[in-house]
Amino acid sequence: MYSSEIIPESYFIILMLQLYIEPLLYKYHVDINFYAHIHSYERTCPMYQHRCIDDGITQILIGMAGQDLVSYPYTGAEWSIYHDEQYGYTQLWANRTYLRFVYYHDADNAIADEFVLKK
């Protein structure tokens, strides 16, 4: 739903998701949104409508496995916490009050990004 990369061919789809799906996710208090298609990894701050807010939705772009990675211009948006264009994989642990998410680089299995969400 969010990417700090400039991707002309996906602009319309991204805009429609932000206009029609994001308000529903926010209304129903969704804390985290995983999506792919763009071949990179990115994590945002908790956000809504392009702004970081305390009760926002953390957006996780997890398109860094499988297909060849494509590099697009990176804007370095203020809501982008971590952006990466290497192959990788993720792990997720969750229970009723806790979610831990870890992104690893495939080449060396090193942790590239991680965060914890508590309720």
PDB file of N, CA and C in Angstrom:
ATOM      1  N   MET A   1       0.815  -1.186   0.000  1.00  0.00           N
ATOM      2  CA  MET A   1       0.000   0.000   0.000  1.00  0.00           C
ATOM      3  C   MET A   1       0.865   1.260   0.000  1.00  0.00           C
ATOM      4  N   TYR A   2       2.042   1.190   0.623  1.00  0.00           N
ATOM      5  CA  TYR A   2       2.976   2.309   0.591  1.00  0.00           C
ATOM      6  C   TYR A   2       4.337   1.812   0.141  1.00  0.00           C
ATOM      7  N   SER A   3       4.991   2.606  -0.669  1.00  0.00           N
ATOM      8  CA  SER A   3       6.369   2.352  -1.067  1.00  0.00           C
ATOM      9  C   SER A   3       7.031   3.697  -1.300  1.00  0.00           C
ATOM     10  N   SER A   4       8.242   3.849  -0.809  1.00  0.00           N
ATOM     11  CA  SER A   4       8.967   5.091  -1.043  1.00  0.00           C
ATOM     12  C   SER A   4       9.730   5.046  -2.361  1.00  0.00           C
ATOM     13  N   GLU A   5       9.518   3.988  -3.135  1.00  0.00           N
ATOM     14  CA  GLU A   5      10.088   3.908  -4.476  1.00  0.00           C
ATOM     15  C   GLU A   5       9.095   4.513  -5.474  1.00  0.00           C
ATOM     16  N   ILE A   6       9.609   5.148  -6.504  1.00  0.00           N
ATOM     17  CA  ILE A   6       8.765   5.731  -7.544  1.00  0.00           C
ATOM     18  C   ILE A   6       8.514   4.656  -8.594  1.00  0.00           C
ATOM     19  N   ILE A   7       7.265   4.186  -8.686  1.00  0.00           N
ATOM     20  CA  ILE A   7       6.914   3.059  -9.548  1.00  0.00           C
ATOM     21  C   ILE A   7       5.733   3.470 -10.427  1.00  0.00           C
ATOM     22  N   PRO A   8       6.008   4.045 -11.591  1.00  0.00           N
ATOM     23  CA  PRO A   8       4.925   4.580 -12.429  1.00  0.00           C
ATOM     24  C   PRO A   8       3.846   3.561 -12.777  1.00  0.00           C
ATOM     25  N   GLU A   9       4.224   2.328 -13.084  1.00  0.00           N
ATOM     26  CA  GLU A   9       3.237   1.335 -13.515  1.00  0.00           C
ATOM     27  C   GLU A   9       2.323   0.856 -12.391  1.00  0.00           C
ATOM     28  N   SER A  10       2.674   1.121 -11.146  1.00  0.00           N
ATOM     29  CA  SER A  10       1.845   0.709 -10.008  1.00  0.00           C
ATOM     30  C   SER A  10       1.140   1.879  -9.331  1.00  0.00           C
ATOM     31  N   TYR A  11       1.320   3.081  -9.833  1.00  0.00           N
ATOM     32  CA  TYR A  11       0.794   4.272  -9.167  1.00  0.00           C
ATOM     33  C   TYR A  11      -0.715   4.195  -8.951  1.00  0.00           C
ATOM     34  N   PHE A  12      -1.472   3.823  -9.973  1.00  0.00           N
ATOM     35  CA  PHE A  12      -2.926   3.803  -9.871  1.00  0.00           C
ATOM     36  C   PHE A  12      -3.396   2.787  -8.827  1.00  0.00           C
ATOM     37  N   ILE A  13      -2.804   1.611  -8.830  1.00  0.00           N
ATOM     38  CA  ILE A  13      -3.182   0.574  -7.862  1.00  0.00           C
ATOM     39  C   ILE A  13      -2.881   1.040  -6.438  1.00  0.00           C
ATOM     40  N   ILE A  14      -1.705   1.599  -6.241  1.00  0.00           N
ATOM     41  CA  ILE A  14      -1.328   2.097  -4.916  1.00  0.00           C
ATOM     42  C   ILE A  14      -2.299   3.178  -4.455  1.00  0.00           C
ATOM     43  N   LEU A  15      -2.627   4.097  -5.341  1.00  0.00           N
ATOM     44  CA  LEU A  15      -3.559   5.171  -5.008  1.00  0.00           C
ATOM     45  C   LEU A  15      -4.934   4.624  -4.627  1.00  0.00           C
ATOM     46  N   MET A  16      -5.433   3.651  -5.361  1.00  0.00           N
ATOM     47  CA  MET A  16      -6.743   3.066  -5.056  1.00  0.00           C
ATOM     48  C   MET A  16      -6.733   2.353  -3.702  1.00  0.00           C
ATOM     49  N   LEU A  17      -5.662   1.652  -3.392  1.00  0.00           N
ATOM     50  CA  LEU A  17      -5.547   1.004  -2.080  1.00  0.00           C
ATOM     51  C   LEU A  17      -5.555   2.039  -0.961  1.00  0.00           C
ATOM     52  N   GLN A  18      -4.828   3.124  -1.158  1.00  0.00           N
ATOM     53  CA  GLN A  18      -4.777   4.170  -0.142  1.00  0.00           C
ATOM     54  C   GLN A  18      -6.121   4.879   0.019  1.00  0.00           C
ATOM     55  N   LEU A  19      -6.843   5.065  -1.075  1.00  0.00           N
ATOM     56  CA  LEU A  19      -8.133   5.763  -1.021  1.00  0.00           C
ATOM     57  C   LEU A  19      -9.259   4.910  -0.446  1.00  0.00           C
ATOM     58  N   TYR A  20      -9.279   3.622  -0.782  1.00  0.00           N
ATOM     59  CA  TYR A  20     -10.435   2.790  -0.444  1.00  0.00           C
ATOM     60  C   TYR A  20     -10.183   1.730   0.631  1.00  0.00           C
ATOM     61  N   ILE A  21      -8.990   1.196   0.703  1.00  0.00           N
ATOM     62  CA  ILE A  21      -8.702   0.132   1.673  1.00  0.00           C
ATOM     63  C   ILE A  21      -8.122   0.695   2.974  1.00  0.00           C
ATOM     64  N   GLU A  22      -7.214   1.631   2.865  1.00  0.00           N
ATOM     65  CA  GLU A  22      -6.587   2.177   4.072  1.00  0.00           C
ATOM     66  C   GLU A  22      -7.603   2.729   5.077  1.00  0.00           C
ATOM     67  N   PRO A  23      -8.635   3.487   4.661  1.00  0.00           N
ATOM     68  CA  PRO A  23      -9.624   3.959   5.642  1.00  0.00           C
ATOM     69  C   PRO A  23     -10.336   2.820   6.376  1.00  0.00           C
ATOM     70  N   LEU A  24     -10.584   1.714   5.694  1.00  0.00           N
ATOM     71  CA  LEU A  24     -11.211   0.560   6.352  1.00  0.00           C
ATOM     72  C   LEU A  24     -10.270  -0.077   7.369  1.00  0.00           C
ATOM     73  N   LEU A  25      -9.004  -0.220   7.000  1.00  0.00           N
ATOM     74  CA  LEU A  25      -8.028  -0.785   7.932  1.00  0.00           C
ATOM     75  C   LEU A  25      -7.919   0.085   9.182  1.00  0.00           C
ATOM     76  N   TYR A  26      -7.901   1.386   8.981  1.00  0.00           N
ATOM     77  CA  TYR A  26      -7.803   2.311  10.119  1.00  0.00           C
ATOM     78  C   TYR A  26      -9.078   2.278  10.969  1.00  0.00           C
ATOM     79  N   LYS A  27     -10.224   2.289  10.318  1.00  0.00           N
ATOM     80  CA  LYS A  27     -11.511   2.276  11.027  1.00  0.00           C
ATOM     81  C   LYS A  27     -11.632   1.062  11.947  1.00  0.00           C
ATOM     82  N   TYR A  28     -11.149  -0.091  11.478  1.00  0.00           N
ATOM     83  CA  TYR A  28     -11.270  -1.326  12.247  1.00  0.00           C
ATOM     84  C   TYR A  28     -10.009  -1.646  13.050  1.00  0.00           C
ATOM     85  N   HIS A  29      -9.166  -0.651  13.263  1.00  0.00           N
ATOM     86  CA  HIS A  29      -8.020  -0.720  14.169  1.00  0.00           C
ATOM     87  C   HIS A  29      -7.008  -1.805  13.797  1.00  0.00           C
ATOM     88  N   VAL A  30      -6.751  -1.960  12.514  1.00  0.00           N
ATOM     89  CA  VAL A  30      -5.711  -2.888  12.063  1.00  0.00           C
ATOM     90  C   VAL A  30      -4.359  -2.283  12.441  1.00  0.00           C
ATOM     91  N   ASP A  31      -3.494  -3.068  13.049  1.00  0.00           N
ATOM     92  CA  ASP A  31      -2.199  -2.565  13.507  1.00  0.00           C
ATOM     93  C   ASP A  31      -1.089  -2.723  12.478  1.00  0.00           C
ATOM     94  N   ILE A  32      -1.198  -3.761  11.649  1.00  0.00           N
ATOM     95  CA  ILE A  32      -0.117  -4.050  10.710  1.00  0.00           C
ATOM     96  C   ILE A  32      -0.704  -4.592   9.410  1.00  0.00           C
ATOM     97  N   ASN A  33      -0.096  -4.213   8.305  1.00  0.00           N
ATOM     98  CA  ASN A  33      -0.554  -4.621   6.980  1.00  0.00           C
ATOM     99  C   ASN A  33       0.643  -5.164   6.202  1.00  0.00           C
ATOM    100  N   PHE A  34       0.552  -6.409   5.764  1.00  0.00           N
ATOM    101  CA  PHE A  34       1.599  -7.019   4.943  1.00  0.00           C
ATOM    102  C   PHE A  34       1.134  -7.044   3.497  1.00  0.00           C
ATOM    103  N   TYR A  35       2.001  -6.699   2.592  1.00  0.00           N
ATOM    104  CA  TYR A  35       1.665  -6.739   1.174  1.00  0.00           C
ATOM    105  C   TYR A  35       2.949  -6.910   0.372  1.00  0.00           C
ATOM    106  N   ALA A  36       2.788  -7.186  -0.909  1.00  0.00           N
ATOM    107  CA  ALA A  36       3.950  -7.392  -1.776  1.00  0.00           C
ATOM    108  C   ALA A  36       3.651  -6.819  -3.151  1.00  0.00           C
ATOM    109  N   HIS A  37       4.219  -7.377  -4.151  1.00  0.00           N
ATOM    110  CA  HIS A  37       4.170  -7.015  -5.564  1.00  0.00           C
ATOM    111  C   HIS A  37       5.434  -6.254  -5.938  1.00  0.00           C
ATOM    112  N   ILE A  38       5.758  -5.201  -5.210  1.00  0.00           N
ATOM    113  CA  ILE A  38       6.996  -4.467  -5.456  1.00  0.00           C
ATOM    114  C   ILE A  38       8.126  -5.313  -4.883  1.00  0.00           C
ATOM    115  N   HIS A  39       9.192  -5.502  -5.650  1.00  0.00           N
ATOM    116  CA  HIS A  39      10.235  -6.453  -5.284  1.00  0.00           C
ATOM    117  C   HIS A  39      11.315  -5.818  -4.415  1.00  0.00           C
ATOM    118  N   SER A  40      10.935  -5.472  -3.205  1.00  0.00           N
ATOM    119  CA  SER A  40      11.862  -4.964  -2.207  1.00  0.00           C
ATOM    120  C   SER A  40      11.218  -5.141  -0.829  1.00  0.00           C
ATOM    121  N   TYR A  41      11.919  -4.676   0.203  1.00  0.00           N
ATOM    122  CA  TYR A  41      11.403  -4.727   1.572  1.00  0.00           C
ATOM    123  C   TYR A  41      11.317  -3.298   2.088  1.00  0.00           C
ATOM    124  N   GLU A  42      10.245  -3.010   2.802  1.00  0.00           N
ATOM    125  CA  GLU A  42      10.134  -1.696   3.434  1.00  0.00           C
ATOM    126  C   GLU A  42       9.190  -1.791   4.626  1.00  0.00           C
ATOM    127  N   ARG A  43       9.555  -1.077   5.700  1.00  0.00           N
ATOM    128  CA  ARG A  43       8.693  -0.969   6.884  1.00  0.00           C
ATOM    129  C   ARG A  43       8.459   0.502   7.167  1.00  0.00           C
ATOM    130  N   THR A  44       7.214   0.835   7.470  1.00  0.00           N
ATOM    131  CA  THR A  44       6.884   2.221   7.781  1.00  0.00           C
ATOM    132  C   THR A  44       6.682   2.405   9.282  1.00  0.00           C
ATOM    133  N   CYS A  45       6.627   3.648   9.685  1.00  0.00           N
ATOM    134  CA  CYS A  45       6.161   3.980  11.028  1.00  0.00           C
ATOM    135  C   CYS A  45       4.669   3.641  11.083  1.00  0.00           C
ATOM    136  N   PRO A  46       4.074   3.558  12.269  1.00  0.00           N
ATOM    137  CA  PRO A  46       2.608   3.468  12.310  1.00  0.00           C
ATOM    138  C   PRO A  46       2.061   4.743  11.658  1.00  0.00           C
ATOM    139  N   MET A  47       1.213   4.573  10.641  1.00  0.00           N
ATOM    140  CA  MET A  47       0.835   5.737   9.838  1.00  0.00           C
ATOM    141  C   MET A  47      -0.592   5.655   9.340  1.00  0.00           C
ATOM    142  N   TYR A  48      -1.070   6.800   8.875  1.00  0.00           N
ATOM    143  CA  TYR A  48      -2.366   6.893   8.208  1.00  0.00           C
ATOM    144  C   TYR A  48      -2.317   8.107   7.290  1.00  0.00           C
ATOM    145  N   GLN A  49      -2.703   7.906   6.054  1.00  0.00           N
ATOM    146  CA  GLN A  49      -2.737   8.954   5.037  1.00  0.00           C
ATOM    147  C   GLN A  49      -1.408   9.710   4.943  1.00  0.00           C
ATOM    148  N   HIS A  50      -0.347   8.964   4.784  1.00  0.00           N
ATOM    149  CA  HIS A  50       1.007   9.489   4.562  1.00  0.00           C
ATOM    150  C   HIS A  50       1.621  10.188   5.776  1.00  0.00           C
ATOM    151  N   ARG A  51       1.047  10.022   6.955  1.00  0.00           N
ATOM    152  CA  ARG A  51       1.577  10.670   8.149  1.00  0.00           C
ATOM    153  C   ARG A  51       1.784   9.648   9.259  1.00  0.00           C
ATOM    154  N   CYS A  52       2.887   9.787   9.974  1.00  0.00           N
ATOM    155  CA  CYS A  52       3.140   8.942  11.137  1.00  0.00           C
ATOM    156  C   CYS A  52       2.237   9.401  12.278  1.00  0.00           C
ATOM    157  N   ILE A  53       1.489   8.457  12.848  1.00  0.00           N
ATOM    158  CA  ILE A  53       0.630   8.744  13.996  1.00  0.00           C
ATOM    159  C   ILE A  53       0.683   7.560  14.959  1.00  0.00           C
ATOM    160  N   ASP A  54       0.450   7.827  16.228  1.00  0.00           N
ATOM    161  CA  ASP A  54       0.579   6.783  17.256  1.00  0.00           C
ATOM    162  C   ASP A  54      -0.338   5.586  17.028  1.00  0.00           C
ATOM    163  N   ASP A  55      -1.562   5.813  16.591  1.00  0.00           N
ATOM    164  CA  ASP A  55      -2.505   4.699  16.412  1.00  0.00           C
ATOM    165  C   ASP A  55      -2.645   4.289  14.945  1.00  0.00           C
ATOM    166  N   GLY A  56      -1.590   4.525  14.176  1.00  0.00           N
ATOM    167  CA  GLY A  56      -1.624   4.206  12.749  1.00  0.00           C
ATOM    168  C   GLY A  56      -1.339   2.748  12.448  1.00  0.00           C
ATOM    169  N   ILE A  57      -1.231   2.461  11.167  1.00  0.00           N
ATOM    170  CA  ILE A  57      -1.004   1.111  10.651  1.00  0.00           C
ATOM    171  C   ILE A  57       0.452   0.992  10.209  1.00  0.00           C
ATOM    172  N   THR A  58       1.181   0.030  10.744  1.00  0.00           N
ATOM    173  CA  THR A  58       2.529  -0.242  10.259  1.00  0.00           C
ATOM    174  C   THR A  58       2.398  -1.012   8.952  1.00  0.00           C
ATOM    175  N   GLN A  59       2.989  -0.475   7.903  1.00  0.00           N
ATOM    176  CA  GLN A  59       2.922  -1.087   6.577  1.00  0.00           C
ATOM    177  C   GLN A  59       4.223  -1.846   6.326  1.00  0.00           C
ATOM    178  N   ILE A  60       4.108  -3.103   5.927  1.00  0.00           N
ATOM    179  CA  ILE A  60       5.283  -3.927   5.658  1.00  0.00           C
ATOM    180  C   ILE A  60       5.215  -4.426   4.219  1.00  0.00           C
ATOM    181  N   LEU A  61       6.156  -3.974   3.408  1.00  0.00           N
ATOM    182  CA  LEU A  61       6.289  -4.438   2.029  1.00  0.00           C
ATOM    183  C   LEU A  61       7.255  -5.618   2.047  1.00  0.00           C
ATOM    184  N   ILE A  62       6.781  -6.810   1.668  1.00  0.00           N
ATOM    185  CA  ILE A  62       7.616  -8.014   1.745  1.00  0.00           C
ATOM    186  C   ILE A  62       7.698  -8.686   0.377  1.00  0.00           C
ATOM    187  N   GLY A  63       8.234  -7.970  -0.595  1.00  0.00           N
ATOM    188  CA  GLY A  63       8.335  -8.503  -1.950  1.00  0.00           C
ATOM    189  C   GLY A  63       9.753  -8.863  -2.334  1.00  0.00           C
ATOM    190  N   MET A  64      10.586  -9.261  -1.370  1.00  0.00           N
ATOM    191  CA  MET A  64      12.013  -9.433  -1.627  1.00  0.00           C
ATOM    192  C   MET A  64      12.442 -10.882  -1.846  1.00  0.00           C
ATOM    193  N   ALA A  65      11.482 -11.768  -2.061  1.00  0.00           N
ATOM    194  CA  ALA A  65      11.842 -13.176  -2.274  1.00  0.00           C
ATOM    195  C   ALA A  65      11.384 -13.639  -3.646  1.00  0.00           C
ATOM    196  N   GLY A  66      12.155 -14.496  -4.272  1.00  0.00           N
ATOM    197  CA  GLY A  66      11.713 -15.133  -5.510  1.00  0.00           C
ATOM    198  C   GLY A  66      12.096 -14.397  -6.769  1.00  0.00           C
ATOM    199  N   GLN A  67      11.214 -13.582  -7.270  1.00  0.00           N
ATOM    200  CA  GLN A  67      11.404 -12.885  -8.537  1.00  0.00           C
ATOM    201  C   GLN A  67      12.634 -11.976  -8.470  1.00  0.00           C
ATOM    202  N   ASP A  68      13.265 -11.759  -9.645  1.00  0.00           N
ATOM    203  CA  ASP A  68      14.388 -10.827  -9.680  1.00  0.00           C
ATOM    204  C   ASP A  68      13.974  -9.491  -9.094  1.00  0.00           C
ATOM    205  N   LEU A  69      14.869  -8.892  -8.333  1.00  0.00           N
ATOM    206  CA  LEU A  69      14.592  -7.594  -7.740  1.00  0.00           C
ATOM    207  C   LEU A  69      14.745  -6.517  -8.803  1.00  0.00           C
ATOM    208  N   VAL A  70      13.873  -5.544  -8.751  1.00  0.00           N
ATOM    209  CA  VAL A  70      13.902  -4.425  -9.682  1.00  0.00           C
ATOM    210  C   VAL A  70      14.156  -3.177  -8.861  1.00  0.00           C
ATOM    211  N   SER A  71      15.096  -2.365  -9.287  1.00  0.00           N
ATOM    212  CA  SER A  71      15.426  -1.163  -8.544  1.00  0.00           C
ATOM    213  C   SER A  71      14.720   0.045  -9.148  1.00  0.00           C
ATOM    214  N   TYR A  72      13.981   0.757  -8.314  1.00  0.00           N
ATOM    215  CA  TYR A  72      13.308   1.991  -8.709  1.00  0.00           C
ATOM    216  C   TYR A  72      13.915   3.140  -7.905  1.00  0.00           C
ATOM    217  N   PRO A  73      13.753   4.366  -8.375  1.00  0.00           N
ATOM    218  CA  PRO A  73      14.252   5.503  -7.588  1.00  0.00           C
ATOM    219  C   PRO A  73      13.611   5.517  -6.200  1.00  0.00           C
ATOM    220  N   TYR A  74      14.432   5.736  -5.189  1.00  0.00           N
ATOM    221  CA  TYR A  74      13.997   5.727  -3.791  1.00  0.00           C
ATOM    222  C   TYR A  74      13.866   7.164  -3.308  1.00  0.00           C
ATOM    223  N   THR A  75      12.712   7.521  -2.761  1.00  0.00           N
ATOM    224  CA  THR A  75      12.463   8.903  -2.351  1.00  0.00           C
ATOM    225  C   THR A  75      12.894   9.207  -0.926  1.00  0.00           C
ATOM    226  N   GLY A  76      13.070   8.182  -0.099  1.00  0.00           N
ATOM    227  CA  GLY A  76      13.437   8.413   1.295  1.00  0.00           C
ATOM    228  C   GLY A  76      12.342   9.119   2.073  1.00  0.00           C
ATOM    229  N   ALA A  77      11.110   8.686   1.893  1.00  0.00           N
ATOM    230  CA  ALA A  77       9.963   9.302   2.562  1.00  0.00           C
ATOM    231  C   ALA A  77      10.147   9.278   4.078  1.00  0.00           C
ATOM    232  N   GLU A  78       9.637  10.306   4.759  1.00  0.00           N
ATOM    233  CA  GLU A  78       9.822  10.414   6.211  1.00  0.00           C
ATOM    234  C   GLU A  78       9.155   9.288   6.979  1.00  0.00           C
ATOM    235  N   TRP A  79       8.147   8.641   6.395  1.00  0.00           N
ATOM    236  CA  TRP A  79       7.459   7.541   7.074  1.00  0.00           C
ATOM    237  C   TRP A  79       8.156   6.197   6.876  1.00  0.00           C
ATOM    238  N   SER A  80       9.196   6.167   6.054  1.00  0.00           N
ATOM    239  CA  SER A  80       9.926   4.925   5.794  1.00  0.00           C
ATOM    240  C   SER A  80      10.963   4.698   6.893  1.00  0.00           C
ATOM    241  N   ILE A  81      10.749   3.655   7.699  1.00  0.00           N
ATOM    242  CA  ILE A  81      11.670   3.329   8.791  1.00  0.00           C
ATOM    243  C   ILE A  81      12.864   2.526   8.273  1.00  0.00           C
ATOM    244  N   TYR A  82      12.594   1.579   7.385  1.00  0.00           N
ATOM    245  CA  TYR A  82      13.666   0.738   6.834  1.00  0.00           C
ATOM    246  C   TYR A  82      13.290   0.334   5.419  1.00  0.00           C
ATOM    247  N   HIS A  83      14.247   0.461   4.496  1.00  0.00           N
ATOM    248  CA  HIS A  83      14.048   0.102   3.089  1.00  0.00           C
ATOM    249  C   HIS A  83      15.258  -0.701   2.636  1.00  0.00           C
ATOM    250  N   ASP A  84      15.015  -1.768   1.861  1.00  0.00           N
ATOM    251  CA  ASP A  84      16.111  -2.638   1.449  1.00  0.00           C
ATOM    252  C   ASP A  84      15.761  -3.307   0.129  1.00  0.00           C
ATOM    253  N   GLU A  85      16.761  -3.534  -0.707  1.00  0.00           N
ATOM    254  CA  GLU A  85      16.533  -4.167  -2.006  1.00  0.00           C
ATOM    255  C   GLU A  85      17.342  -5.449  -2.160  1.00  0.00           C
ATOM    256  N   GLN A  86      17.525  -6.182  -1.069  1.00  0.00           N
ATOM    257  CA  GLN A  86      18.222  -7.464  -1.131  1.00  0.00           C
ATOM    258  C   GLN A  86      17.215  -8.603  -0.995  1.00  0.00           C
ATOM    259  N   TYR A  87      17.607  -9.775  -1.517  1.00  0.00           N
ATOM    260  CA  TYR A  87      16.770 -10.949  -1.296  1.00  0.00           C
ATOM    261  C   TYR A  87      16.721 -11.244   0.193  1.00  0.00           C
ATOM    262  N   GLY A  88      15.573 -11.721   0.652  1.00  0.00           N
ATOM    263  CA  GLY A  88      15.462 -12.032   2.059  1.00  0.00           C
ATOM    264  C   GLY A  88      14.205 -12.814   2.374  1.00  0.00           C
ATOM    265  N   TYR A  89      14.041 -13.092   3.655  1.00  0.00           N
ATOM    266  CA  TYR A  89      12.867 -13.812   4.139  1.00  0.00           C
ATOM    267  C   TYR A  89      12.508 -13.270   5.516  1.00  0.00           C
ATOM    268  N   THR A  90      11.321 -13.605   5.981  1.00  0.00           N
ATOM    269  CA  THR A  90      10.854 -13.073   7.254  1.00  0.00           C
ATOM    270  C   THR A  90      10.367 -14.190   8.169  1.00  0.00           C
ATOM    271  N   GLN A  91      10.329 -13.878   9.451  1.00  0.00           N
ATOM    272  CA  GLN A  91       9.712 -14.748  10.448  1.00  0.00           C
ATOM    273  C   GLN A  91       8.811 -13.887  11.313  1.00  0.00           C
ATOM    274  N   LEU A  92       7.744 -14.509  11.786  1.00  0.00           N
ATOM    275  CA  LEU A  92       6.768 -13.808  12.603  1.00  0.00           C
ATOM    276  C   LEU A  92       6.365 -14.705  13.760  1.00  0.00           C
ATOM    277  N   TRP A  93       6.392 -14.155  14.974  1.00  0.00           N
ATOM    278  CA  TRP A  93       5.910 -14.849  16.158  1.00  0.00           C
ATOM    279  C   TRP A  93       4.812 -13.989  16.756  1.00  0.00           C
ATOM    280  N   ALA A  94       3.714 -14.602  17.132  1.00  0.00           N
ATOM    281  CA  ALA A  94       2.612 -13.804  17.670  1.00  0.00           C
ATOM    282  C   ALA A  94       1.803 -14.593  18.686  1.00  0.00           C
ATOM    283  N   ASN A  95       1.260 -13.862  19.639  1.00  0.00           N
ATOM    284  CA  ASN A  95       0.233 -14.387  20.523  1.00  0.00           C
ATOM    285  C   ASN A  95      -0.801 -13.277  20.712  1.00  0.00           C
ATOM    286  N   ARG A  96      -1.628 -13.360  21.704  1.00  0.00           N
ATOM    287  CA  ARG A  96      -2.720 -12.374  21.865  1.00  0.00           C
ATOM    288  C   ARG A  96      -2.236 -10.967  22.169  1.00  0.00           C
ATOM    289  N   THR A  97      -1.041 -10.821  22.716  1.00  0.00           N
ATOM    290  CA  THR A  97      -0.579  -9.498  23.141  1.00  0.00           C
ATOM    291  C   THR A  97       0.745  -9.061  22.532  1.00  0.00           C
ATOM    292  N   TYR A  98       1.348  -9.896  21.699  1.00  0.00           N
ATOM    293  CA  TYR A  98       2.727  -9.661  21.281  1.00  0.00           C
ATOM    294  C   TYR A  98       2.923 -10.157  19.854  1.00  0.00           C
ATOM    295  N   LEU A  99       3.612  -9.364  19.055  1.00  0.00           N
ATOM    296  CA  LEU A  99       3.997  -9.788  17.712  1.00  0.00           C
ATOM    297  C   LEU A  99       5.451  -9.387  17.498  1.00  0.00           C
ATOM    298  N   ARG A 100       6.273 -10.335  17.114  1.00  0.00           N
ATOM    299  CA  ARG A 100       7.673 -10.057  16.780  1.00  0.00           C
ATOM    300  C   ARG A 100       7.870 -10.419  15.321  1.00  0.00           C
ATOM    301  N   PHE A 101       8.456  -9.493  14.576  1.00  0.00           N
ATOM    302  CA  PHE A 101       8.680  -9.656  13.144  1.00  0.00           C
ATOM    303  C   PHE A 101      10.166  -9.455  12.870  1.00  0.00           C
ATOM    304  N   VAL A 102      10.774 -10.376  12.108  1.00  0.00           N
ATOM    305  CA  VAL A 102      12.197 -10.283  11.776  1.00  0.00           C
ATOM    306  C   VAL A 102      12.378 -10.496  10.277  1.00  0.00           C
ATOM    307  N   TYR A 103      13.165  -9.617   9.665  1.00  0.00           N
ATOM    308  CA  TYR A 103      13.541  -9.729   8.250  1.00  0.00           C
ATOM    309  C   TYR A 103      15.025 -10.071   8.179  1.00  0.00           C
ATOM    310  N   TYR A 104      15.354 -11.144   7.460  1.00  0.00           N
ATOM    311  CA  TYR A 104      16.724 -11.613   7.308  1.00  0.00           C
ATOM    312  C   TYR A 104      17.187 -11.432   5.868  1.00  0.00           C
ATOM    313  N   HIS A 105      18.470 -11.108   5.694  1.00  0.00           N
ATOM    314  CA  HIS A 105      19.068 -11.147   4.360  1.00  0.00           C
ATOM    315  C   HIS A 105      19.338 -12.606   4.004  1.00  0.00           C
ATOM    316  N   ASP A 106      18.985 -12.981   2.804  1.00  0.00           N
ATOM    317  CA  ASP A 106      19.140 -14.355   2.351  1.00  0.00           C
ATOM    318  C   ASP A 106      20.608 -14.756   2.220  1.00  0.00           C
ATOM    319  N   ALA A 107      21.459 -13.842   1.792  1.00  0.00           N
ATOM    320  CA  ALA A 107      22.855 -14.170   1.502  1.00  0.00           C
ATOM    321  C   ALA A 107      23.621 -14.652   2.731  1.00  0.00           C
ATOM    322  N   ASP A 108      23.348 -14.061   3.898  1.00  0.00           N
ATOM    323  CA  ASP A 108      24.121 -14.413   5.089  1.00  0.00           C
ATOM    324  C   ASP A 108      23.255 -14.709   6.323  1.00  0.00           C
ATOM    325  N   ASN A 109      21.943 -14.726   6.150  1.00  0.00           N
ATOM    326  CA  ASN A 109      20.995 -14.969   7.244  1.00  0.00           C
ATOM    327  C   ASN A 109      21.090 -13.947   8.378  1.00  0.00           C
ATOM    328  N   ALA A 110      21.686 -12.797   8.096  1.00  0.00           N
ATOM    329  CA  ALA A 110      21.800 -11.744   9.105  1.00  0.00           C
ATOM    330  C   ALA A 110      20.463 -11.025   9.267  1.00  0.00           C
ATOM    331  N   ILE A 111      20.164 -10.622  10.489  1.00  0.00           N
ATOM    332  CA  ILE A 111      18.957  -9.832  10.734  1.00  0.00           C
ATOM    333  C   ILE A 111      19.162  -8.446  10.140  1.00  0.00           C
ATOM    334  N   ALA A 112      18.266  -8.071   9.245  1.00  0.00           N
ATOM    335  CA  ALA A 112      18.335  -6.759   8.607  1.00  0.00           C
ATOM    336  C   ALA A 112      17.393  -5.765   9.282  1.00  0.00           C
ATOM    337  N   ASP A 113      16.246  -6.251   9.748  1.00  0.00           N
ATOM    338  CA  ASP A 113      15.264  -5.386  10.396  1.00  0.00           C
ATOM    339  C   ASP A 113      14.416  -6.248  11.322  1.00  0.00           C
ATOM    340  N   GLU A 114      13.997  -5.668  12.423  1.00  0.00           N
ATOM    341  CA  GLU A 114      13.084  -6.367  13.323  1.00  0.00           C
ATOM    342  C   GLU A 114      12.333  -5.355  14.165  1.00  0.00           C
ATOM    343  N   PHE A 115      11.161  -5.755  14.610  1.00  0.00           N
ATOM    344  CA  PHE A 115      10.388  -4.909  15.506  1.00  0.00           C
ATOM    345  C   PHE A 115       9.418  -5.767  16.295  1.00  0.00           C
ATOM    346  N   VAL A 116       8.899  -5.180  17.365  1.00  0.00           N
ATOM    347  CA  VAL A 116       7.924  -5.831  18.234  1.00  0.00           C
ATOM    348  C   VAL A 116       6.717  -4.914  18.354  1.00  0.00           C
ATOM    349  N   LEU A 117       5.555  -5.507  18.274  1.00  0.00           N
ATOM    350  CA  LEU A 117       4.299  -4.788  18.474  1.00  0.00           C
ATOM    351  C   LEU A 117       3.623  -5.401  19.691  1.00  0.00           C
ATOM    352  N   LYS A 118       3.288  -4.572  20.684  1.00  0.00           N
ATOM    353  CA  LYS A 118       2.627  -5.061  21.898  1.00  0.00           C
ATOM    354  C   LYS A 118       1.266  -4.411  22.026  1.00  0.00           C
ATOM    355  N   LYS A 119       0.308  -5.188  22.530  1.00  0.00           N
ATOM    356  CA  LYS A 119      -1.055  -4.685  22.772  1.00  0.00           C
ATOM    357  C   LYS A 119      -1.408  -4.829  24.225  1.00  0.00           C
TER     358      LYS A 119
END
